[in-house]
Amino acid sequence: MIIVNIGELPGKSYEVIGIVKGSVVKSKHLGKDIMAGFKTIIGGEIKSYSDMLAEARTIATDRMVQEASGLGADAVLGVRYESSSIMQNAAEVLAYGTAVKFI
């Protein structure tokens, strides 16, 4: 499966299948949240949250690819990521793009 953030693949002919997406809601346990709170006082990267969001992007991408594969797609074009806070200390990560089949 080809996954790109560009809108088209030069030199390839394809038909558009449609929009595909994958999402996940992740949170850290209370102990990690307390440690992150201390980090906000002194500044710097909050590694536990960076790691959590990286994992969430991977899961969301995998789910998007599964949906595209189920539709018979060969590639997903124009891939984008969005995140939003669902509740305190929980975030949703969404991956979406356009599934295409080569002809």
PDB file of N, CA and C in Angstrom:
ATOM      1  N   MET A   1       0.857  -1.179   0.000  1.00  0.00           N
ATOM      2  CA  MET A   1       0.000   0.000   0.000  1.00  0.00           C
ATOM      3  C   MET A   1       0.900   1.238   0.000  1.00  0.00           C
ATOM      4  N   ILE A   2       0.660   2.100  -0.949  1.00  0.00           N
ATOM      5  CA  ILE A   2       1.393   3.368  -1.009  1.00  0.00           C
ATOM      6  C   ILE A   2       0.611   4.397  -0.208  1.00  0.00           C
ATOM      7  N   ILE A   3       1.307   5.085   0.676  1.00  0.00           N
ATOM      8  CA  ILE A   3       0.668   6.119   1.506  1.00  0.00           C
ATOM      9  C   ILE A   3       1.478   7.401   1.333  1.00  0.00           C
ATOM     10  N   VAL A   4       0.861   8.432   0.785  1.00  0.00           N
ATOM     11  CA  VAL A   4       1.562   9.691   0.546  1.00  0.00           C
ATOM     12  C   VAL A   4       0.680  10.873   0.921  1.00  0.00           C
ATOM     13  N   ASN A   5       1.330  11.997   1.170  1.00  0.00           N
ATOM     14  CA  ASN A   5       0.538  13.187   1.493  1.00  0.00           C
ATOM     15  C   ASN A   5       0.369  14.105   0.287  1.00  0.00           C
ATOM     16  N   ILE A   6       0.901  13.711  -0.877  1.00  0.00           N
ATOM     17  CA  ILE A   6       0.675  14.489  -2.094  1.00  0.00           C
ATOM     18  C   ILE A   6      -0.680  14.111  -2.682  1.00  0.00           C
ATOM     19  N   GLY A   7      -1.221  14.985  -3.505  1.00  0.00           N
ATOM     20  CA  GLY A   7      -2.569  14.791  -4.025  1.00  0.00           C
ATOM     21  C   GLY A   7      -2.680  13.852  -5.204  1.00  0.00           C
ATOM     22  N   GLU A   8      -1.565  13.583  -5.881  1.00  0.00           N
ATOM     23  CA  GLU A   8      -1.609  12.662  -7.014  1.00  0.00           C
ATOM     24  C   GLU A   8      -0.262  11.987  -7.183  1.00  0.00           C
ATOM     25  N   LEU A   9      -0.268  10.847  -7.848  1.00  0.00           N
ATOM     26  CA  LEU A   9       0.969  10.105  -8.101  1.00  0.00           C
ATOM     27  C   LEU A   9       1.364  10.285  -9.561  1.00  0.00           C
ATOM     28  N   PRO A  10       2.453  10.987  -9.823  1.00  0.00           N
ATOM     29  CA  PRO A  10       2.891  11.189 -11.203  1.00  0.00           C
ATOM     30  C   PRO A  10       3.185   9.850 -11.882  1.00  0.00           C
ATOM     31  N   GLY A  11       2.744   9.728 -13.139  1.00  0.00           N
ATOM     32  CA  GLY A  11       3.014   8.523 -13.909  1.00  0.00           C
ATOM     33  C   GLY A  11       2.102   7.350 -13.614  1.00  0.00           C
ATOM     34  N   LYS A  12       1.147   7.501 -12.725  1.00  0.00           N
ATOM     35  CA  LYS A  12       0.226   6.420 -12.381  1.00  0.00           C
ATOM     36  C   LYS A  12      -1.185   6.796 -12.827  1.00  0.00           C
ATOM     37  N   SER A  13      -1.893   5.819 -13.363  1.00  0.00           N
ATOM     38  CA  SER A  13      -3.307   6.001 -13.669  1.00  0.00           C
ATOM     39  C   SER A  13      -4.103   5.281 -12.587  1.00  0.00           C
ATOM     40  N   TYR A  14      -5.122   5.946 -12.097  1.00  0.00           N
ATOM     41  CA  TYR A  14      -5.909   5.353 -11.017  1.00  0.00           C
ATOM     42  C   TYR A  14      -7.305   5.914 -11.016  1.00  0.00           C
ATOM     43  N   GLU A  15      -8.183   5.164 -10.361  1.00  0.00           N
ATOM     44  CA  GLU A  15      -9.545   5.640 -10.134  1.00  0.00           C
ATOM     45  C   GLU A  15      -9.716   5.886  -8.642  1.00  0.00           C
ATOM     46  N   VAL A  16     -10.457   6.897  -8.328  1.00  0.00           N
ATOM     47  CA  VAL A  16     -10.696   7.250  -6.932  1.00  0.00           C
ATOM     48  C   VAL A  16     -11.774   6.353  -6.355  1.00  0.00           C
ATOM     49  N   ILE A  17     -11.479   5.770  -5.217  1.00  0.00           N
ATOM     50  CA  ILE A  17     -12.465   4.952  -4.507  1.00  0.00           C
ATOM     51  C   ILE A  17     -13.247   5.827  -3.536  1.00  0.00           C
ATOM     52  N   GLY A  18     -12.546   6.654  -2.768  1.00  0.00           N
ATOM     53  CA  GLY A  18     -13.211   7.544  -1.820  1.00  0.00           C
ATOM     54  C   GLY A  18     -12.354   7.819  -0.601  1.00  0.00           C
ATOM     55  N   ILE A  19     -12.914   8.542   0.310  1.00  0.00           N
ATOM     56  CA  ILE A  19     -12.207   8.919   1.534  1.00  0.00           C
ATOM     57  C   ILE A  19     -12.138   7.717   2.472  1.00  0.00           C
ATOM     58  N   VAL A  20     -10.967   7.533   3.068  1.00  0.00           N
ATOM     59  CA  VAL A  20     -10.784   6.506   4.100  1.00  0.00           C
ATOM     60  C   VAL A  20     -10.203   7.190   5.328  1.00  0.00           C
ATOM     61  N   LYS A  21     -10.473   6.607   6.479  1.00  0.00           N
ATOM     62  CA  LYS A  21      -9.978   7.216   7.717  1.00  0.00           C
ATOM     63  C   LYS A  21      -9.736   6.161   8.775  1.00  0.00           C
ATOM     64  N   GLY A  22      -8.976   6.553   9.751  1.00  0.00           N
ATOM     65  CA  GLY A  22      -8.740   5.726  10.916  1.00  0.00           C
ATOM     66  C   GLY A  22      -8.554   6.645  12.106  1.00  0.00           C
ATOM     67  N   SER A  23      -9.050   6.251  13.246  1.00  0.00           N
ATOM     68  CA  SER A  23      -8.894   7.112  14.416  1.00  0.00           C
ATOM     69  C   SER A  23      -8.688   6.273  15.668  1.00  0.00           C
ATOM     70  N   VAL A  24      -8.168   6.931  16.691  1.00  0.00           N
ATOM     71  CA  VAL A  24      -7.956   6.307  17.989  1.00  0.00           C
ATOM     72  C   VAL A  24      -8.020   7.404  19.047  1.00  0.00           C
ATOM     73  N   VAL A  25      -8.518   7.056  20.214  1.00  0.00           N
ATOM     74  CA  VAL A  25      -8.497   7.957  21.371  1.00  0.00           C
ATOM     75  C   VAL A  25      -7.546   7.339  22.386  1.00  0.00           C
ATOM     76  N   LYS A  26      -6.565   8.117  22.813  1.00  0.00           N
ATOM     77  CA  LYS A  26      -5.547   7.616  23.738  1.00  0.00           C
ATOM     78  C   LYS A  26      -5.463   8.537  24.953  1.00  0.00           C
ATOM     79  N   SER A  27      -5.044   7.939  26.067  1.00  0.00           N
ATOM     80  CA  SER A  27      -4.768   8.718  27.280  1.00  0.00           C
ATOM     81  C   SER A  27      -3.622   8.053  28.019  1.00  0.00           C
ATOM     82  N   LYS A  28      -3.036   8.784  28.936  1.00  0.00           N
ATOM     83  CA  LYS A  28      -1.989   8.239  29.797  1.00  0.00           C
ATOM     84  C   LYS A  28      -2.581   7.998  31.176  1.00  0.00           C
ATOM     85  N   HIS A  29      -1.980   7.074  31.909  1.00  0.00           N
ATOM     86  CA  HIS A  29      -2.492   6.802  33.246  1.00  0.00           C
ATOM     87  C   HIS A  29      -2.117   7.937  34.205  1.00  0.00           C
ATOM     88  N   LEU A  30      -2.760   7.967  35.327  1.00  0.00           N
ATOM     89  CA  LEU A  30      -2.638   9.056  36.288  1.00  0.00           C
ATOM     90  C   LEU A  30      -1.199   9.347  36.682  1.00  0.00           C
ATOM     91  N   GLY A  31      -0.397   8.324  36.881  1.00  0.00           N
ATOM     92  CA  GLY A  31       1.005   8.535  37.270  1.00  0.00           C
ATOM     93  C   GLY A  31       1.765   9.331  36.230  1.00  0.00           C
ATOM     94  N   LYS A  32       1.541   9.015  34.969  1.00  0.00           N
ATOM     95  CA  LYS A  32       2.204   9.752  33.890  1.00  0.00           C
ATOM     96  C   LYS A  32       1.687  11.188  33.832  1.00  0.00           C
ATOM     97  N   ASP A  33       0.383  11.385  34.089  1.00  0.00           N
ATOM     98  CA  ASP A  33      -0.187  12.729  34.079  1.00  0.00           C
ATOM     99  C   ASP A  33       0.411  13.596  35.187  1.00  0.00           C
ATOM    100  N   ILE A  34       0.627  13.008  36.340  1.00  0.00           N
ATOM    101  CA  ILE A  34       1.219  13.760  37.457  1.00  0.00           C
ATOM    102  C   ILE A  34       2.643  14.177  37.100  1.00  0.00           C
ATOM    103  N   MET A  35       3.419  13.239  36.536  1.00  0.00           N
ATOM    104  CA  MET A  35       4.791  13.559  36.136  1.00  0.00           C
ATOM    105  C   MET A  35       4.805  14.624  35.042  1.00  0.00           C
ATOM    106  N   ALA A  36       3.854  14.548  34.108  1.00  0.00           N
ATOM    107  CA  ALA A  36       3.764  15.544  33.043  1.00  0.00           C
ATOM    108  C   ALA A  36       3.432  16.914  33.631  1.00  0.00           C
ATOM    109  N   GLY A  37       2.583  16.930  34.656  1.00  0.00           N
ATOM    110  CA  GLY A  37       2.249  18.193  35.323  1.00  0.00           C
ATOM    111  C   GLY A  37       3.469  18.857  35.917  1.00  0.00           C
ATOM    112  N   PHE A  38       4.359  18.069  36.522  1.00  0.00           N
ATOM    113  CA  PHE A  38       5.608  18.629  37.055  1.00  0.00           C
ATOM    114  C   PHE A  38       6.471  19.185  35.937  1.00  0.00           C
ATOM    115  N   LYS A  39       6.469  18.513  34.793  1.00  0.00           N
ATOM    116  CA  LYS A  39       7.295  18.945  33.665  1.00  0.00           C
ATOM    117  C   LYS A  39       6.838  20.298  33.139  1.00  0.00           C
ATOM    118  N   THR A  40       5.535  20.577  33.231  1.00  0.00           N
ATOM    119  CA  THR A  40       5.042  21.865  32.748  1.00  0.00           C
ATOM    120  C   THR A  40       5.567  23.013  33.593  1.00  0.00           C
ATOM    121  N   ILE A  41       5.942  22.738  34.829  1.00  0.00           N
ATOM    122  CA  ILE A  41       6.483  23.777  35.711  1.00  0.00           C
ATOM    123  C   ILE A  41       7.893  24.163  35.279  1.00  0.00           C
ATOM    124  N   ILE A  42       8.711  23.176  34.924  1.00  0.00           N
ATOM    125  CA  ILE A  42      10.104  23.478  34.578  1.00  0.00           C
ATOM    126  C   ILE A  42      10.333  23.627  33.080  1.00  0.00           C
ATOM    127  N   GLY A  43       9.365  23.210  32.264  1.00  0.00           N
ATOM    128  CA  GLY A  43       9.475  23.354  30.814  1.00  0.00           C
ATOM    129  C   GLY A  43      10.140  22.160  30.163  1.00  0.00           C
ATOM    130  N   GLY A  44      10.074  22.141  28.842  1.00  0.00           N
ATOM    131  CA  GLY A  44      10.682  21.069  28.067  1.00  0.00           C
ATOM    132  C   GLY A  44       9.658  20.117  27.505  1.00  0.00           C
ATOM    133  N   GLU A  45      10.167  19.158  26.745  1.00  0.00           N
ATOM    134  CA  GLU A  45       9.296  18.172  26.114  1.00  0.00           C
ATOM    135  C   GLU A  45       8.701  17.233  27.153  1.00  0.00           C
ATOM    136  N   ILE A  46       7.442  16.934  26.980  1.00  0.00           N
ATOM    137  CA  ILE A  46       6.778  15.948  27.827  1.00  0.00           C
ATOM    138  C   ILE A  46       6.790  14.646  27.037  1.00  0.00           C
ATOM    139  N   LYS A  47       7.856  13.884  27.231  1.00  0.00           N
ATOM    140  CA  LYS A  47       8.130  12.709  26.406  1.00  0.00           C
ATOM    141  C   LYS A  47       7.000  11.685  26.435  1.00  0.00           C
ATOM    142  N   SER A  48       6.375  11.485  27.584  1.00  0.00           N
ATOM    143  CA  SER A  48       5.308  10.484  27.652  1.00  0.00           C
ATOM    144  C   SER A  48       4.153  10.851  26.721  1.00  0.00           C
ATOM    145  N   TYR A  49       3.851  12.145  26.599  1.00  0.00           N
ATOM    146  CA  TYR A  49       2.785  12.568  25.692  1.00  0.00           C
ATOM    147  C   TYR A  49       3.239  12.510  24.240  1.00  0.00           C
ATOM    148  N   SER A  50       4.495  12.856  23.975  1.00  0.00           N
ATOM    149  CA  SER A  50       5.023  12.731  22.608  1.00  0.00           C
ATOM    150  C   SER A  50       4.950  11.279  22.152  1.00  0.00           C
ATOM    151  N   ASP A  51       5.355  10.367  23.037  1.00  0.00           N
ATOM    152  CA  ASP A  51       5.304   8.945  22.716  1.00  0.00           C
ATOM    153  C   ASP A  51       3.865   8.477  22.499  1.00  0.00           C
ATOM    154  N   MET A  52       2.953   8.950  23.347  1.00  0.00           N
ATOM    155  CA  MET A  52       1.552   8.563  23.232  1.00  0.00           C
ATOM    156  C   MET A  52       0.984   9.008  21.889  1.00  0.00           C
ATOM    157  N   LEU A  53       1.286  10.233  21.471  1.00  0.00           N
ATOM    158  CA  LEU A  53       0.746  10.731  20.211  1.00  0.00           C
ATOM    159  C   LEU A  53       1.388  10.036  19.015  1.00  0.00           C
ATOM    160  N   ALA A  54       2.667   9.702  19.104  1.00  0.00           N
ATOM    161  CA  ALA A  54       3.318   8.954  18.027  1.00  0.00           C
ATOM    162  C   ALA A  54       2.660   7.579  17.871  1.00  0.00           C
ATOM    163  N   GLU A  55       2.397   6.921  18.988  1.00  0.00           N
ATOM    164  CA  GLU A  55       1.715   5.623  18.950  1.00  0.00           C
ATOM    165  C   GLU A  55       0.302   5.771  18.375  1.00  0.00           C
ATOM    166  N   ALA A  56      -0.388   6.840  18.768  1.00  0.00           N
ATOM    167  CA  ALA A  56      -1.749   7.072  18.276  1.00  0.00           C
ATOM    168  C   ALA A  56      -1.748   7.305  16.768  1.00  0.00           C
ATOM    169  N   ARG A  57      -0.761   8.053  16.249  1.00  0.00           N
ATOM    170  CA  ARG A  57      -0.673   8.267  14.804  1.00  0.00           C
ATOM    171  C   ARG A  57      -0.459   6.949  14.066  1.00  0.00           C
ATOM    172  N   THR A  58       0.375   6.083  14.629  1.00  0.00           N
ATOM    173  CA  THR A  58       0.631   4.774  14.011  1.00  0.00           C
ATOM    174  C   THR A  58      -0.640   3.939  13.971  1.00  0.00           C
ATOM    175  N   ILE A  59      -1.367   3.901  15.077  1.00  0.00           N
ATOM    176  CA  ILE A  59      -2.614   3.126  15.134  1.00  0.00           C
ATOM    177  C   ILE A  59      -3.639   3.696  14.160  1.00  0.00           C
ATOM    178  N   ALA A  60      -3.792   5.022  14.144  1.00  0.00           N
ATOM    179  CA  ALA A  60      -4.761   5.653  13.240  1.00  0.00           C
ATOM    180  C   ALA A  60      -4.397   5.375  11.782  1.00  0.00           C
ATOM    181  N   THR A  61      -3.109   5.430  11.455  1.00  0.00           N
ATOM    182  CA  THR A  61      -2.662   5.136  10.090  1.00  0.00           C
ATOM    183  C   THR A  61      -2.967   3.693   9.730  1.00  0.00           C
ATOM    184  N   ASP A  62      -2.667   2.768  10.637  1.00  0.00           N
ATOM    185  CA  ASP A  62      -2.945   1.350  10.388  1.00  0.00           C
ATOM    186  C   ASP A  62      -4.437   1.119  10.141  1.00  0.00           C
ATOM    187  N   ARG A  63      -5.276   1.779  10.903  1.00  0.00           N
ATOM    188  CA  ARG A  63      -6.728   1.614  10.736  1.00  0.00           C
ATOM    189  C   ARG A  63      -7.191   2.195   9.396  1.00  0.00           C
ATOM    190  N   MET A  64      -6.595   3.316   8.991  1.00  0.00           N
ATOM    191  CA  MET A  64      -6.921   3.906   7.694  1.00  0.00           C
ATOM    192  C   MET A  64      -6.523   2.945   6.569  1.00  0.00           C
ATOM    193  N   VAL A  65      -5.335   2.366   6.670  1.00  0.00           N
ATOM    194  CA  VAL A  65      -4.849   1.419   5.663  1.00  0.00           C
ATOM    195  C   VAL A  65      -5.743   0.182   5.615  1.00  0.00           C
ATOM    196  N   GLN A  66      -6.179  -0.302   6.764  1.00  0.00           N
ATOM    197  CA  GLN A  66      -7.088  -1.462   6.791  1.00  0.00           C
ATOM    198  C   GLN A  66      -8.383  -1.151   6.056  1.00  0.00           C
ATOM    199  N   GLU A  67      -8.917   0.057   6.280  1.00  0.00           N
ATOM    200  CA  GLU A  67     -10.155   0.436   5.596  1.00  0.00           C
ATOM    201  C   GLU A  67      -9.912   0.504   4.084  1.00  0.00           C
ATOM    202  N   ALA A  68      -8.789   1.105   3.686  1.00  0.00           N
ATOM    203  CA  ALA A  68      -8.462   1.216   2.260  1.00  0.00           C
ATOM    204  C   ALA A  68      -8.274  -0.167   1.632  1.00  0.00           C
ATOM    205  N   SER A  69      -7.576  -1.047   2.324  1.00  0.00           N
ATOM    206  CA  SER A  69      -7.366  -2.414   1.815  1.00  0.00           C
ATOM    207  C   SER A  69      -8.692  -3.139   1.641  1.00  0.00           C
ATOM    208  N   GLY A  70      -9.584  -2.946   2.585  1.00  0.00           N
ATOM    209  CA  GLY A  70     -10.900  -3.575   2.503  1.00  0.00           C
ATOM    210  C   GLY A  70     -11.712  -3.112   1.308  1.00  0.00           C
ATOM    211  N   LEU A  71     -11.392  -1.927   0.802  1.00  0.00           N
ATOM    212  CA  LEU A  71     -12.074  -1.391  -0.376  1.00  0.00           C
ATOM    213  C   LEU A  71     -11.333  -1.732  -1.670  1.00  0.00           C
ATOM    214  N   GLY A  72     -10.218  -2.457  -1.548  1.00  0.00           N
ATOM    215  CA  GLY A  72      -9.443  -2.831  -2.722  1.00  0.00           C
ATOM    216  C   GLY A  72      -8.485  -1.762  -3.213  1.00  0.00           C
ATOM    217  N   ALA A  73      -8.136  -0.819  -2.372  1.00  0.00           N
ATOM    218  CA  ALA A  73      -7.248   0.275  -2.778  1.00  0.00           C
ATOM    219  C   ALA A  73      -5.800  -0.186  -2.897  1.00  0.00           C
ATOM    220  N   ASP A  74      -5.068   0.490  -3.767  1.00  0.00           N
ATOM    221  CA  ASP A  74      -3.632   0.272  -3.922  1.00  0.00           C
ATOM    222  C   ASP A  74      -2.821   1.363  -3.246  1.00  0.00           C
ATOM    223  N   ALA A  75      -3.457   2.499  -2.997  1.00  0.00           N
ATOM    224  CA  ALA A  75      -2.749   3.636  -2.399  1.00  0.00           C
ATOM    225  C   ALA A  75      -3.744   4.546  -1.684  1.00  0.00           C
ATOM    226  N   VAL A  76      -3.205   5.364  -0.793  1.00  0.00           N
ATOM    227  CA  VAL A  76      -3.986   6.421  -0.153  1.00  0.00           C
ATOM    228  C   VAL A  76      -3.224   7.719  -0.401  1.00  0.00           C
ATOM    229  N   LEU A  77      -3.882   8.653  -1.052  1.00  0.00           N
ATOM    230  CA  LEU A  77      -3.276   9.932  -1.411  1.00  0.00           C
ATOM    231  C   LEU A  77      -3.779  11.046  -0.494  1.00  0.00           C
ATOM    232  N   GLY A  78      -2.989  12.101  -0.399  1.00  0.00           N
ATOM    233  CA  GLY A  78      -3.404  13.276   0.364  1.00  0.00           C
ATOM    234  C   GLY A  78      -3.611  12.996   1.836  1.00  0.00           C
ATOM    235  N   VAL A  79      -2.784  12.134   2.413  1.00  0.00           N
ATOM    236  CA  VAL A  79      -2.966  11.749   3.816  1.00  0.00           C
ATOM    237  C   VAL A  79      -2.720  12.943   4.730  1.00  0.00           C
ATOM    238  N   ARG A  80      -3.599  13.103   5.683  1.00  0.00           N
ATOM    239  CA  ARG A  80      -3.508  14.181   6.672  1.00  0.00           C
ATOM    240  C   ARG A  80      -3.787  13.601   8.047  1.00  0.00           C
ATOM    241  N   TYR A  81      -3.289  14.296   9.067  1.00  0.00           N
ATOM    242  CA  TYR A  81      -3.531  13.924  10.462  1.00  0.00           C
ATOM    243  C   TYR A  81      -4.158  15.104  11.177  1.00  0.00           C
ATOM    244  N   GLU A  82      -5.067  14.801  12.062  1.00  0.00           N
ATOM    245  CA  GLU A  82      -5.657  15.816  12.934  1.00  0.00           C
ATOM    246  C   GLU A  82      -5.736  15.236  14.330  1.00  0.00           C
ATOM    247  N   SER A  83      -5.687  16.112  15.304  1.00  0.00           N
ATOM    248  CA  SER A  83      -5.870  15.657  16.682  1.00  0.00           C
ATOM    249  C   SER A  83      -6.763  16.643  17.406  1.00  0.00           C
ATOM    250  N   SER A  84      -7.435  16.119  18.400  1.00  0.00           N
ATOM    251  CA  SER A  84      -8.309  16.964  19.204  1.00  0.00           C
ATOM    252  C   SER A  84      -8.394  16.384  20.602  1.00  0.00           C
ATOM    253  N   SER A  85      -8.671  17.262  21.539  1.00  0.00           N
ATOM    254  CA  SER A  85      -8.847  16.844  22.922  1.00  0.00           C
ATOM    255  C   SER A  85     -10.288  16.381  23.095  1.00  0.00           C
ATOM    256  N   ILE A  86     -10.454  15.161  23.559  1.00  0.00           N
ATOM    257  CA  ILE A  86     -11.790  14.603  23.765  1.00  0.00           C
ATOM    258  C   ILE A  86     -12.286  14.941  25.167  1.00  0.00           C
ATOM    259  N   MET A  87     -11.389  14.806  26.126  1.00  0.00           N
ATOM    260  CA  MET A  87     -11.653  15.138  27.518  1.00  0.00           C
ATOM    261  C   MET A  87     -10.295  15.416  28.144  1.00  0.00           C
ATOM    262  N   GLN A  88     -10.268  15.823  29.377  1.00  0.00           N
ATOM    263  CA  GLN A  88      -8.997  16.105  30.015  1.00  0.00           C
ATOM    264  C   GLN A  88      -8.104  14.869  29.964  1.00  0.00           C
ATOM    265  N   ASN A  89      -6.890  15.052  29.457  1.00  0.00           N
ATOM    266  CA  ASN A  89      -5.868  14.004  29.383  1.00  0.00           C
ATOM    267  C   ASN A  89      -6.176  12.888  28.391  1.00  0.00           C
ATOM    268  N   ALA A  90      -7.077  13.132  27.442  1.00  0.00           N
ATOM    269  CA  ALA A  90      -7.345  12.157  26.380  1.00  0.00           C
ATOM    270  C   ALA A  90      -7.427  12.889  25.053  1.00  0.00           C
ATOM    271  N   ALA A  91      -6.794  12.314  24.036  1.00  0.00           N
ATOM    272  CA  ALA A  91      -6.775  12.944  22.722  1.00  0.00           C
ATOM    273  C   ALA A  91      -7.167  11.940  21.649  1.00  0.00           C
ATOM    274  N   GLU A  92      -7.871  12.443  20.631  1.00  0.00           N
ATOM    275  CA  GLU A  92      -8.170  11.638  19.457  1.00  0.00           C
ATOM    276  C   GLU A  92      -7.188  12.027  18.368  1.00  0.00           C
ATOM    277  N   VAL A  93      -6.679  11.034  17.662  1.00  0.00           N
ATOM    278  CA  VAL A  93      -5.866  11.271  16.480  1.00  0.00           C
ATOM    279  C   VAL A  93      -6.600  10.632  15.311  1.00  0.00           C
ATOM    280  N   LEU A  94      -6.760  11.401  14.241  1.00  0.00           N
ATOM    281  CA  LEU A  94      -7.463  10.967  13.045  1.00  0.00           C
ATOM    282  C   LEU A  94      -6.504  11.020  11.868  1.00  0.00           C
ATOM    283  N   ALA A  95      -6.436   9.949  11.100  1.00  0.00           N
ATOM    284  CA  ALA A  95      -5.688   9.908   9.845  1.00  0.00           C
ATOM    285  C   ALA A  95      -6.716   9.729   8.734  1.00  0.00           C
ATOM    286  N   TYR A  96      -6.585  10.516   7.643  1.00  0.00           N
ATOM    287  CA  TYR A  96      -7.531  10.368   6.547  1.00  0.00           C
ATOM    288  C   TYR A  96      -6.865  10.710   5.220  1.00  0.00           C
ATOM    289  N   GLY A  97      -7.436  10.195   4.168  1.00  0.00           N
ATOM    290  CA  GLY A  97      -6.920  10.443   2.827  1.00  0.00           C
ATOM    291  C   GLY A  97      -7.878   9.876   1.795  1.00  0.00           C
ATOM    292  N   THR A  98      -7.428   9.896   0.541  1.00  0.00           N
ATOM    293  CA  THR A  98      -8.235   9.418  -0.573  1.00  0.00           C
ATOM    294  C   THR A  98      -7.701   8.087  -1.069  1.00  0.00           C
ATOM    295  N   ALA A  99      -8.529   7.060  -0.990  1.00  0.00           N
ATOM    296  CA  ALA A  99      -8.149   5.731  -1.464  1.00  0.00           C
ATOM    297  C   ALA A  99      -8.285   5.676  -2.977  1.00  0.00           C
ATOM    298  N   VAL A 100      -7.285   5.087  -3.640  1.00  0.00           N
ATOM    299  CA  VAL A 100      -7.313   4.949  -5.087  1.00  0.00           C
ATOM    300  C   VAL A 100      -6.910   3.530  -5.491  1.00  0.00           C
ATOM    301  N   LYS A 101      -7.378   3.122  -6.674  1.00  0.00           N
ATOM    302  CA  LYS A 101      -7.023   1.818  -7.251  1.00  0.00           C
ATOM    303  C   LYS A 101      -6.348   2.076  -8.587  1.00  0.00           C
ATOM    304  N   PHE A 102      -5.184   1.461  -8.792  1.00  0.00           N
ATOM    305  CA  PHE A 102      -4.466   1.634 -10.044  1.00  0.00           C
ATOM    306  C   PHE A 102      -5.206   0.933 -11.183  1.00  0.00           C
ATOM    307  N   ILE A 103      -5.163   1.571 -12.361  1.00  0.00           N
ATOM    308  CA  ILE A 103      -5.794   0.966 -13.556  1.00  0.00           C
ATOM    309  C   ILE A 103      -4.759   0.781 -14.645  1.00  0.00           C
TER     310      ILE A 103
END
